[in-house]
C-alpha atoms as a PDB file:
ATOM      1  CA  MET A   1      -5.238 -11.702  -3.984  1.00  0.00           C
ATOM      2  CA  ASP A   2      -3.483  -8.575  -5.186  1.00  0.00           C
ATOM      3  CA  ASP A   3      -0.019  -7.322  -4.607  1.00  0.00           C
ATOM      4  CA  GLY A   4      -0.986  -5.147  -1.805  1.00  0.00           C
ATOM      5  CA  GLU A   5      -2.780  -7.832   0.089  1.00  0.00           C
ATOM      6  CA  PHE A   6       0.163 -10.136  -0.440  1.00  0.00           C
ATOM      7  CA  ASN A   7       2.505  -7.486   1.121  1.00  0.00           C
ATOM      8  CA  LYS A   8       0.590  -7.650   4.328  1.00  0.00           C
ATOM      9  CA  LEU A   9       1.126 -11.314   5.021  1.00  0.00           C
ATOM     10  CA  PHE A  10       3.648 -12.472   7.413  1.00  0.00           C
ATOM     11  CA  VAL A  11       4.614 -16.182   8.133  1.00  0.00           C
ATOM     12  CA  THR A  12       5.914 -18.390  11.079  1.00  0.00           C
ATOM     13  CA  ILE A  13       7.595 -21.605  10.741  1.00  0.00           C
ATOM     14  CA  GLU A  14       6.875 -24.782  12.488  1.00  0.00           C
ATOM     15  CA  TYR A  15       8.838 -27.249  10.678  1.00  0.00           C
ATOM     16  CA  PHE A  16      10.983 -27.555   7.197  1.00  0.00           C
ATOM     17  CA  ILE A  17      11.835 -30.689   5.454  1.00  0.00           C
ATOM     18  CA  HIS A  18      14.006 -31.249   2.453  1.00  0.00           C
ATOM     19  CA  ARG A  19      12.243 -34.342   1.432  1.00  0.00           C
ATOM     20  CA  ARG A  20      14.013 -37.177  -0.535  1.00  0.00           C
ATOM     21  CA  THR A  21      11.435 -40.026  -0.907  1.00  0.00           C
ATOM     22  CA  ALA A  22      12.260 -43.791  -0.668  1.00  0.00           C
ATOM     23  CA  PRO A  23      10.289 -46.245  -2.721  1.00  0.00           C
ATOM     24  CA  GLU A  24       8.151 -46.940   0.413  1.00  0.00           C
ATOM     25  CA  TRP A  25       7.389 -43.474   1.211  1.00  0.00           C
ATOM     26  CA  LYS A  26       4.042 -42.309   1.928  1.00  0.00           C
ATOM     27  CA  LEU A  27       1.954 -40.076   4.257  1.00  0.00           C
ATOM     28  CA  THR A  28      -1.105 -41.662   5.838  1.00  0.00           C
ATOM     29  CA  ASP A  29      -4.507 -39.526   5.918  1.00  0.00           C
ATOM     30  CA  ALA A  30      -3.810 -36.811   8.556  1.00  0.00           C
ATOM     31  CA  LEU A  31      -5.242 -33.260   9.374  1.00  0.00           C
ATOM     32  CA  VAL A  32      -2.919 -30.565   8.012  1.00  0.00           C
ATOM     33  CA  GLN A  33      -2.192 -28.468  11.182  1.00  0.00           C
ATOM     34  CA  TRP A  34      -0.493 -25.325   9.415  1.00  0.00           C
ATOM     35  CA  THR A  35      -0.585 -24.069   5.998  1.00  0.00           C
ATOM     36  CA  GLU A  36       1.991 -26.332   4.067  1.00  0.00           C
ATOM     37  CA  MET A  37       4.063 -25.473   0.895  1.00  0.00           C
ATOM     38  CA  ASN A  38       5.704 -28.216  -1.115  1.00  0.00           C
ATOM     39  CA  TYR A  39       8.124 -27.274  -4.119  1.00  0.00           C
ATOM     40  CA  ILE A  40       8.810 -30.257  -6.083  1.00  0.00           C
ATOM     41  CA  ILE A  41      12.016 -30.185  -7.945  1.00  0.00           C
ATOM     42  CA  ASP A  42      12.127 -33.802  -9.122  1.00  0.00           C
ATOM     43  CA  GLY A  43      10.119 -36.908  -9.546  1.00  0.00           C
ATOM     44  CA  SER A  44       6.449 -37.302  -8.994  1.00  0.00           C
ATOM     45  CA  ALA A  45       3.849 -38.420  -6.291  1.00  0.00           C
ATOM     46  CA  GLU A  46       0.154 -38.900  -5.777  1.00  0.00           C
ATOM     47  CA  TYR A  47      -1.457 -36.716  -3.284  1.00  0.00           C
ATOM     48  CA  THR A  48      -5.054 -37.195  -1.952  1.00  0.00           C
ATOM     49  CA  VAL A  49      -6.687 -33.922  -0.498  1.00  0.00           C
ATOM     50  CA  ASN A  50      -9.970 -34.246   1.193  1.00  0.00           C
ATOM     51  CA  GLY A  51     -10.736 -37.334  -0.733  1.00  0.00           C
ATOM     52  CA  VAL A  52      -9.735 -35.882  -4.179  1.00  0.00           C
ATOM     53  CA  ARG A  53      -6.513 -37.619  -5.903  1.00  0.00           C
ATOM     54  CA  HIS A  54      -3.872 -35.460  -7.577  1.00  0.00           C
ATOM     55  CA  LYS A  55      -0.864 -36.712  -9.699  1.00  0.00           C
ATOM     56  CA  VAL A  56       1.986 -34.028  -9.024  1.00  0.00           C
ATOM     57  CA  LYS A  57       5.299 -33.775 -10.654  1.00  0.00           C
ATOM     58  CA  LYS A  58       8.618 -31.938 -11.036  1.00  0.00           C
ATOM     59  CA  GLY A  59       8.034 -28.156 -11.308  1.00  0.00           C
ATOM     60  CA  ASP A  60       4.672 -28.431  -9.182  1.00  0.00           C
ATOM     61  CA  LEU A  61       4.055 -26.084  -6.175  1.00  0.00           C
ATOM     62  CA  LEU A  62       1.545 -27.436  -3.617  1.00  0.00           C
ATOM     63  CA  CYS A  63      -0.146 -25.436  -1.108  1.00  0.00           C
ATOM     64  CA  SER A  64      -2.127 -27.536   1.546  1.00  0.00           C
ATOM     65  CA  GLN A  65      -4.181 -25.232   3.506  1.00  0.00           C
ATOM     66  CA  LYS A  66      -4.783 -25.781   7.221  1.00  0.00           C
ATOM     67  CA  ASN A  67      -7.516 -28.298   8.457  1.00  0.00           C
ATOM     68  CA  THR A  68      -7.579 -30.313   5.087  1.00  0.00           C
ATOM     69  CA  ILE A  69      -7.034 -34.108   5.036  1.00  0.00           C
ATOM     70  CA  ARG A  70      -4.105 -35.139   3.172  1.00  0.00           C
ATOM     71  CA  SER A  71      -2.232 -38.423   2.390  1.00  0.00           C
ATOM     72  CA  ALA A  72       0.609 -38.972  -0.253  1.00  0.00           C
ATOM     73  CA  CYS A  73       2.760 -41.682  -1.875  1.00  0.00           C
ATOM     74  CA  THR A  74       5.414 -41.491  -4.481  1.00  0.00           C
ATOM     75  CA  PHE A  75       6.174 -43.798  -7.344  1.00  0.00           C
ATOM     76  CA  PRO A  76       9.141 -46.270  -6.989  1.00  0.00           C
ATOM     77  CA  ASN A  77      10.315 -45.751 -10.568  1.00  0.00           C
ATOM     78  CA  ASP A  78      10.193 -41.651 -10.389  1.00  0.00           C
ATOM     79  CA  LEU A  79      10.906 -40.805  -6.688  1.00  0.00           C
ATOM     80  CA  MET A  80      10.060 -37.374  -5.539  1.00  0.00           C
ATOM     81  CA  GLU A  81      12.338 -34.677  -4.189  1.00  0.00           C
ATOM     82  CA  CYS A  82      10.722 -31.491  -2.822  1.00  0.00           C
ATOM     83  CA  TYR A  83      11.078 -28.791  -0.211  1.00  0.00           C
ATOM     84  CA  CYS A  84       8.415 -28.487   2.487  1.00  0.00           C
ATOM     85  CA  ILE A  85       7.916 -25.611   4.817  1.00  0.00           C
ATOM     86  CA  SER A  86       4.901 -25.429   7.067  1.00  0.00           C
ATOM     87  CA  GLY A  87       3.566 -22.892   9.512  1.00  0.00           C
ATOM     88  CA  PRO A  88       0.687 -20.399  10.087  1.00  0.00           C
ATOM     89  CA  VAL A  89       0.101 -17.448   7.792  1.00  0.00           C
ATOM     90  CA  TYR A  90      -1.366 -14.104   9.255  1.00  0.00           C
ATOM     91  CA  ASN A  91      -2.801 -10.864   7.892  1.00  0.00           C
ATOM     92  CA  ASP A  92      -1.780  -7.365   9.258  1.00  0.00           C
ATOM     93  CA  SER A  93      -4.549  -7.803  11.765  1.00  0.00           C
ATOM     94  CA  PHE A  94      -3.020 -10.750  13.218  1.00  0.00           C
ATOM     95  CA  HIS A  95      -5.539 -13.082  12.001  1.00  0.00           C
ATOM     96  CA  GLU A  96      -4.423 -16.506  10.621  1.00  0.00           C
ATOM     97  CA  VAL A  97      -5.376 -16.553   7.021  1.00  0.00           C
ATOM     98  CA  PRO A  98      -5.185 -19.189   4.081  1.00  0.00           C
ATOM     99  CA  MET A  99      -2.145 -18.971   1.932  1.00  0.00           C
ATOM    100  CA  PRO A 100      -3.232 -17.178  -1.425  1.00  0.00           C
ATOM    101  CA  PHE A 101      -2.575 -20.198  -3.841  1.00  0.00           C
ATOM    102  CA  PRO A 102      -4.253 -23.036  -5.302  1.00  0.00           C
ATOM    103  CA  PHE A 103      -3.549 -26.649  -4.228  1.00  0.00           C
ATOM    104  CA  ILE A 104      -1.445 -26.949  -7.451  1.00  0.00           C
ATOM    105  CA  SER A 105       0.435 -24.519  -9.591  1.00  0.00           C
ATOM    106  CA  HIS A 106       2.673 -25.760 -12.133  1.00  0.00           C
ATOM    107  CA  ILE A 107       5.647 -23.029 -11.876  1.00  0.00           C
ATOM    108  CA  GLY A 108       8.509 -25.056 -13.292  1.00  0.00           C
ATOM    109  CA  VAL A 109      11.715 -25.686 -11.608  1.00  0.00           C
ATOM    110  CA  HIS A 110      13.736 -22.268 -11.139  1.00  0.00           C
ATOM    111  CA  GLN A 111      17.606 -22.433  -9.779  1.00  0.00           C
ATOM    112  CA  ASP A 112      17.128 -19.008  -8.165  1.00  0.00           C
ATOM    113  CA  ILE A 113      14.226 -20.632  -5.833  1.00  0.00           C
ATOM    114  CA  ILE A 114      16.388 -23.678  -5.133  1.00  0.00           C
ATOM    115  CA  SER A 115      19.100 -21.426  -4.206  1.00  0.00           C
ATOM    116  CA  MET A 116      16.967 -19.708  -1.787  1.00  0.00           C
ATOM    117  CA  TYR A 117      15.705 -23.081  -0.231  1.00  0.00           C
ATOM    118  CA  ARG A 118      19.468 -24.146   0.098  1.00  0.00           C
ATOM    119  CA  ASN A 119      20.101 -20.834   1.965  1.00  0.00           C
ATOM    120  CA  PHE A 120      17.045 -21.616   4.029  1.00  0.00           C
ATOM    121  CA  ASP A 121      18.045 -25.146   4.832  1.00  0.00           C
ATOM    122  CA  SER A 122      21.646 -24.250   5.998  1.00  0.00           C
ATOM    123  CA  THR A 123      20.147 -21.441   8.092  1.00  0.00           C
ATOM    124  CA  TRP A 124      17.462 -23.670   9.719  1.00  0.00           C
ATOM    125  CA  THR A 125      19.788 -26.640  10.255  1.00  0.00           C
ATOM    126  CA  ALA A 126      22.645 -24.519  11.852  1.00  0.00           C
ATOM    127  CA  ARG A 127      20.307 -22.859  14.466  1.00  0.00           C
ATOM    128  CA  GLU A 128      22.761 -20.066  15.074  1.00  0.00           C
ATOM    129  CA  PRO A 129      21.580 -17.061  17.060  1.00  0.00           C
ATOM    130  CA  GLY A 130      18.812 -15.168  15.231  1.00  0.00           C
ATOM    131  CA  TYR A 131      17.977 -17.961  12.778  1.00  0.00           C
ATOM    132  CA  GLU A 132      14.273 -17.855  13.016  1.00  0.00           C
ATOM    133  CA  LEU A 133      14.083 -14.332  11.782  1.00  0.00           C
ATOM    134  CA  LYS A 134      16.587 -14.937   9.014  1.00  0.00           C
ATOM    135  CA  ALA A 135      14.627 -18.160   8.029  1.00  0.00           C
ATOM    136  CA  ARG A 136      11.309 -16.143   7.846  1.00  0.00           C
ATOM    137  CA  GLY A 137      13.001 -13.487   5.881  1.00  0.00           C
ATOM    138  CA  ILE A 138      14.287 -16.110   3.405  1.00  0.00           C
ATOM    139  CA  TYR A 139      10.718 -17.879   3.423  1.00  0.00           C
ATOM    140  CA  MET A 140       8.936 -14.560   2.621  1.00  0.00           C
ATOM    141  CA  MET A 141      11.293 -13.987  -0.418  1.00  0.00           C
ATOM    142  CA  ILE A 142      10.514 -17.614  -1.661  1.00  0.00           C
ATOM    143  CA  LEU A 143       6.848 -16.844  -1.258  1.00  0.00           C
ATOM    144  CA  GLN A 144       7.255 -13.589  -3.127  1.00  0.00           C
ATOM    145  CA  ARG A 145       8.746 -15.462  -6.195  1.00  0.00           C
ATOM    146  CA  PHE A 146       5.989 -18.165  -5.961  1.00  0.00           C
ATOM    147  CA  PHE A 147       3.336 -15.240  -6.022  1.00  0.00           C
ATOM    148  CA  GLU A 148       5.159 -13.634  -9.098  1.00  0.00           C
ATOM    149  CA  LEU A 149       5.125 -16.955 -10.889  1.00  0.00           C
ATOM    150  CA  VAL A 150       1.596 -17.758  -9.993  1.00  0.00           C
ATOM    151  CA  TYR A 151      -0.225 -14.637 -10.352  1.00  0.00           C
ATOM    152  CA  PHE A 152       2.093 -12.490 -12.591  1.00  0.00           C
ATOM    153  CA  ASP A 153       3.947 -14.815 -14.752  1.00  0.00           C
ATOM    154  CA  GLU A 154       4.498 -12.346 -17.592  1.00  0.00           C
ATOM    155  CA  LYS A 155       6.434 -10.257 -14.889  1.00  0.00           C
ATOM    156  CA  ALA A 156       8.417 -12.986 -13.446  1.00  0.00           C
ATOM    157  CA  LYS A 157      10.714 -13.970 -16.553  1.00  0.00           C
ATOM    158  CA  LYS A 158      14.485 -13.289 -16.092  1.00  0.00           C
ATOM    159  CA  TYR A 159      15.253 -10.089 -17.913  1.00  0.00           C
ATOM    160  CA  ASN A 160      17.956  -9.953 -20.840  1.00  0.00           C
ATOM    161  CA  VAL A 161      21.387  -9.367 -19.277  1.00  0.00           C
ATOM    162  CA  HIS A 162      21.510  -5.976 -20.690  1.00  0.00           C
ATOM    163  CA  VAL A 163      18.364  -4.820 -19.148  1.00  0.00           C
ATOM    164  CA  ARG A 164      19.489  -6.482 -15.726  1.00  0.00           C
ATOM    165  CA  LYS A 165      22.500  -4.232 -15.920  1.00  0.00           C
ATOM    166  CA  ALA A 166      20.777  -1.295 -16.949  1.00  0.00           C
ATOM    167  CA  ILE A 167      18.182  -1.617 -14.082  1.00  0.00           C
ATOM    168  CA  LYS A 168      21.215  -1.932 -11.545  1.00  0.00           C
ATOM    169  CA  TYR A 169      22.799   1.171 -13.025  1.00  0.00           C
ATOM    170  CA  ILE A 170      19.510   3.060 -12.717  1.00  0.00           C
ATOM    171  CA  ILE A 171      18.977   2.164  -9.223  1.00  0.00           C
ATOM    172  CA  GLU A 172      22.519   2.974  -8.233  1.00  0.00           C
ATOM    173  CA  HIS A 173      22.672   6.308 -10.189  1.00  0.00           C
ATOM    174  CA  TYR A 174      19.003   7.575 -10.218  1.00  0.00           C
ATOM    175  CA  SER A 175      19.963  11.015  -9.109  1.00  0.00           C
ATOM    176  CA  GLU A 176      22.232  11.721 -11.899  1.00  0.00           C
ATOM    177  CA  ASN A 177      21.347  13.043 -15.424  1.00  0.00           C
ATOM    178  CA  LEU A 178      20.378   9.789 -17.026  1.00  0.00           C
ATOM    179  CA  THR A 179      19.328   9.458 -20.425  1.00  0.00           C
ATOM    180  CA  VAL A 180      18.722   6.606 -22.814  1.00  0.00           C
ATOM    181  CA  GLN A 181      21.978   7.460 -24.559  1.00  0.00           C
ATOM    182  CA  VAL A 182      23.861   7.334 -21.332  1.00  0.00           C
ATOM    183  CA  VAL A 183      22.625   4.089 -19.863  1.00  0.00           C
ATOM    184  CA  GLY A 184      22.336   2.260 -23.240  1.00  0.00           C
ATOM    185  CA  LYS A 185      26.251   3.104 -23.698  1.00  0.00           C
ATOM    186  CA  LYS A 186      26.905   1.913 -20.198  1.00  0.00           C
ATOM    187  CA  VAL A 187      25.356  -1.512 -21.117  1.00  0.00           C
ATOM    188  CA  GLY A 188      26.880  -1.672 -24.724  1.00  0.00           C
ATOM    189  CA  LEU A 189      23.875  -0.866 -26.869  1.00  0.00           C
ATOM    190  CA  SER A 190      22.743   1.900 -29.229  1.00  0.00           C
ATOM    191  CA  ALA A 191      20.198   4.304 -27.698  1.00  0.00           C
ATOM    192  CA  SER A 192      17.506   3.095 -30.082  1.00  0.00           C
ATOM    193  CA  TYR A 193      17.902  -0.571 -29.662  1.00  0.00           C
ATOM    194  CA  PHE A 194      18.356  -0.085 -25.665  1.00  0.00           C
ATOM    195  CA  GLY A 195      15.125   1.896 -25.549  1.00  0.00           C
ATOM    196  CA  SER A 196      13.327  -0.749 -27.456  1.00  0.00           C
ATOM    197  CA  ILE A 197      14.476  -3.793 -25.623  1.00  0.00           C
ATOM    198  CA  PHE A 198      14.086  -2.111 -22.389  1.00  0.00           C
ATOM    199  CA  LYS A 199      10.252  -1.421 -22.877  1.00  0.00           C
ATOM    200  CA  GLU A 200       9.947  -4.891 -24.367  1.00  0.00           C
ATOM    201  CA  GLU A 201      11.558  -6.515 -21.188  1.00  0.00           C
ATOM    202  CA  THR A 202       9.899  -4.427 -18.470  1.00  0.00           C
ATOM    203  CA  GLY A 203       6.601  -3.020 -20.160  1.00  0.00           C
ATOM    204  CA  THR A 204       7.491   0.455 -19.554  1.00  0.00           C
ATOM    205  CA  SER A 205       9.690   3.004 -21.162  1.00  0.00           C
ATOM    206  CA  PHE A 206      13.220   3.959 -19.645  1.00  0.00           C
ATOM    207  CA  HIS A 207      11.991   7.382 -18.805  1.00  0.00           C
ATOM    208  CA  GLN A 208       8.705   6.057 -16.903  1.00  0.00           C
ATOM    209  CA  PHE A 209      11.178   3.472 -15.049  1.00  0.00           C
ATOM    210  CA  LEU A 210      13.660   6.098 -13.928  1.00  0.00           C
ATOM    211  CA  THR A 211      10.774   8.369 -12.850  1.00  0.00           C
ATOM    212  CA  LYS A 212       9.239   5.734 -10.831  1.00  0.00           C
ATOM    213  CA  ILE A 213      12.658   4.764  -9.261  1.00  0.00           C
ATOM    214  CA  ARG A 214      13.167   8.508  -8.454  1.00  0.00           C
ATOM    215  CA  LEU A 215       9.692   8.959  -7.048  1.00  0.00           C
ATOM    216  CA  ASN A 216      10.056   5.694  -4.769  1.00  0.00           C
ATOM    217  CA  ARG A 217      13.312   7.141  -3.243  1.00  0.00           C
ATOM    218  CA  ALA A 218      11.830  10.746  -2.797  1.00  0.00           C
ATOM    219  CA  GLU A 219       8.860   9.157  -0.861  1.00  0.00           C
ATOM    220  CA  ASP A 220      11.114   7.132   1.467  1.00  0.00           C
ATOM    221  CA  MET A 221      13.120  10.406   2.109  1.00  0.00           C
ATOM    222  CA  LEU A 222       9.949  12.462   2.875  1.00  0.00           C
ATOM    223  CA  ARG A 223       8.622   9.627   5.127  1.00  0.00           C
ATOM    224  CA  SER A 224      11.829   9.600   7.161  1.00  0.00           C
ATOM    225  CA  GLY A 225      10.967  13.077   8.136  1.00  0.00           C
ATOM    226  CA  GLU A 226      14.549  14.167   7.437  1.00  0.00           C
ATOM    227  CA  TYR A 227      14.096  16.064   4.167  1.00  0.00           C
ATOM    228  CA  ASN A 228      11.703  18.621   2.979  1.00  0.00           C
ATOM    229  CA  VAL A 229      10.240  18.668  -0.505  1.00  0.00           C
ATOM    230  CA  ASN A 230      12.973  20.567  -2.127  1.00  0.00           C
ATOM    231  CA  GLU A 231      15.744  18.489  -0.620  1.00  0.00           C
ATOM    232  CA  ALA A 232      14.098  15.096  -1.560  1.00  0.00           C
ATOM    233  CA  ALA A 233      13.574  16.492  -5.173  1.00  0.00           C
ATOM    234  CA  CYS A 234      17.050  17.712  -5.749  1.00  0.00           C
ATOM    235  CA  ALA A 235      18.396  14.492  -4.113  1.00  0.00           C
ATOM    236  CA  CYS A 236      16.386  12.286  -6.411  1.00  0.00           C
ATOM    237  CA  GLY A 237      17.406  13.856  -9.710  1.00  0.00           C
ATOM    238  CA  PHE A 238      14.564  16.545  -9.946  1.00  0.00           C
ATOM    239  CA  SER A 239      16.040  19.927 -10.528  1.00  0.00           C
ATOM    240  CA  ASP A 240      12.697  21.685 -10.336  1.00  0.00           C
ATOM    241  CA  PRO A 241      10.789  20.969  -7.243  1.00  0.00           C
ATOM    242  CA  PHE A 242       7.475  22.321  -8.565  1.00  0.00           C
ATOM    243  CA  TYR A 243       7.938  19.653 -11.427  1.00  0.00           C
ATOM    244  CA  PHE A 244       8.645  16.980  -8.839  1.00  0.00           C
ATOM    245  CA  SER A 245       5.685  17.927  -7.002  1.00  0.00           C
ATOM    246  CA  LYS A 246       3.430  17.789  -9.993  1.00  0.00           C
ATOM    247  CA  VAL A 247       4.829  14.210 -11.082  1.00  0.00           C
ATOM    248  CA  TYR A 248       4.542  13.182  -7.689  1.00  0.00           C
ATOM    249  CA  LYS A 249       0.962  13.985  -7.464  1.00  0.00           C
ATOM    250  CA  ASP A 250       0.019  12.683 -10.968  1.00  0.00           C
ATOM    251  CA  ASN A 251       1.471   9.324  -9.869  1.00  0.00           C
ATOM    252  CA  SER A 252       0.155   8.852  -6.204  1.00  0.00           C
ATOM    253  CA  GLY A 253      -2.919  11.055  -6.228  1.00  0.00           C
ATOM    254  CA  PHE A 254      -1.657  13.213  -3.467  1.00  0.00           C
ATOM    255  CA  SER A 255       1.086  15.888  -3.131  1.00  0.00           C
ATOM    256  CA  PRO A 256       4.587  15.351  -1.534  1.00  0.00           C
ATOM    257  CA  SER A 257       3.735  17.679   1.275  1.00  0.00           C
ATOM    258  CA  LYS A 258       0.979  15.351   2.401  1.00  0.00           C
ATOM    259  CA  VAL A 259       3.725  12.701   2.867  1.00  0.00           C
ATOM    260  CA  LEU A 260       5.329  15.091   5.025  1.00  0.00           C
ATOM    261  CA  SER A 261       2.221  15.726   7.143  1.00  0.00           C
ATOM    262  CA  PHE A 262       2.142  11.919   7.732  1.00  0.00           C
ATOM    263  CA  SER A 263       5.739  12.055   9.160  1.00  0.00           C
ATOM    264  CA  GLY A 264       5.430  14.931  11.385  1.00  0.00           C
ATOM    265  CA  SER A 265       7.656  17.202   9.444  1.00  0.00           C
ATOM    266  CA  ASN A 266       7.149  20.597   7.912  1.00  0.00           C
ATOM    267  CA  PRO A 267       7.382  21.004   3.971  1.00  0.00           C
END
C-alpha cells in the first residue's frame, strides 16, 4: 500500500484495552471480529493465528485481521504489556478493508507513540462529549506513525534538533525571503553546515523543501476559492506569478489555474 491509498483509510473503534497481563493470562481460540492492532511495549507472549505460533516481544506491532482465529498466552517470567485497539477499517468507497500491515512488524518502542496512546486512553476512559471523534483522530495519528515505521522507516527517524527547529521556522515563515544563511543563523549553524545537515536529514535540499512548503500552501489557498493565482503566489513568497505557475506545473503536472477551475473560481 502506498501513501495515497493509506491516506484514504478511516477507522471506527469498537474497543480499547491497555493490557497488563498476569501470569495466568491467556486468550482462548476465538474469531477476530474486527481488525485489531496490538503494540507491545514490554514483555513477551505467544500468539497463535490460524494455527501458526508466533513468539512476540517488546517493540512488536501485531495486526490481527478480521475473521482470523487467534489465541494467546504470556510468559510468567516476562509478562506482556500492550495497547490494543480494535475496530473496522474502511476505504474511501466505504468498503471494509484489511489493515495494510503484516501480522508482526518489529518497530521498537517509541515514546511519542506511547504518549499518543496515553492521550487516547484518557480520552476513551473519560467519555466526554465528542470523545469518539477525538479518539479516532488520535488513533489515525498512531496508525500514521506505524505506517511510517513499517513502510518508510528511513523517513521516520527523529530529525536533528537543529533541523527540527529549521522545519518549524520554515513552516511558520515560508512567505518571507528565506535563505540557507537566514535559517542557518536562526538555528545557530553556519550556512554551509546547515545546508549539508538539512539535506542529509530530510533527503532534500533546503531550497527544494522551502519550495514544497510554499507550493502546498499556495494550492490550499487556490482550492479555497478565495485567492487568484497572483494573490496565492505573492502570499506564499513567490514575487513572480509566472515563475510560480511554471514551478507549480513542473511539480504537479498541471497549472495552478486548473486548481482554480476545480474550486469554481476564476484565475
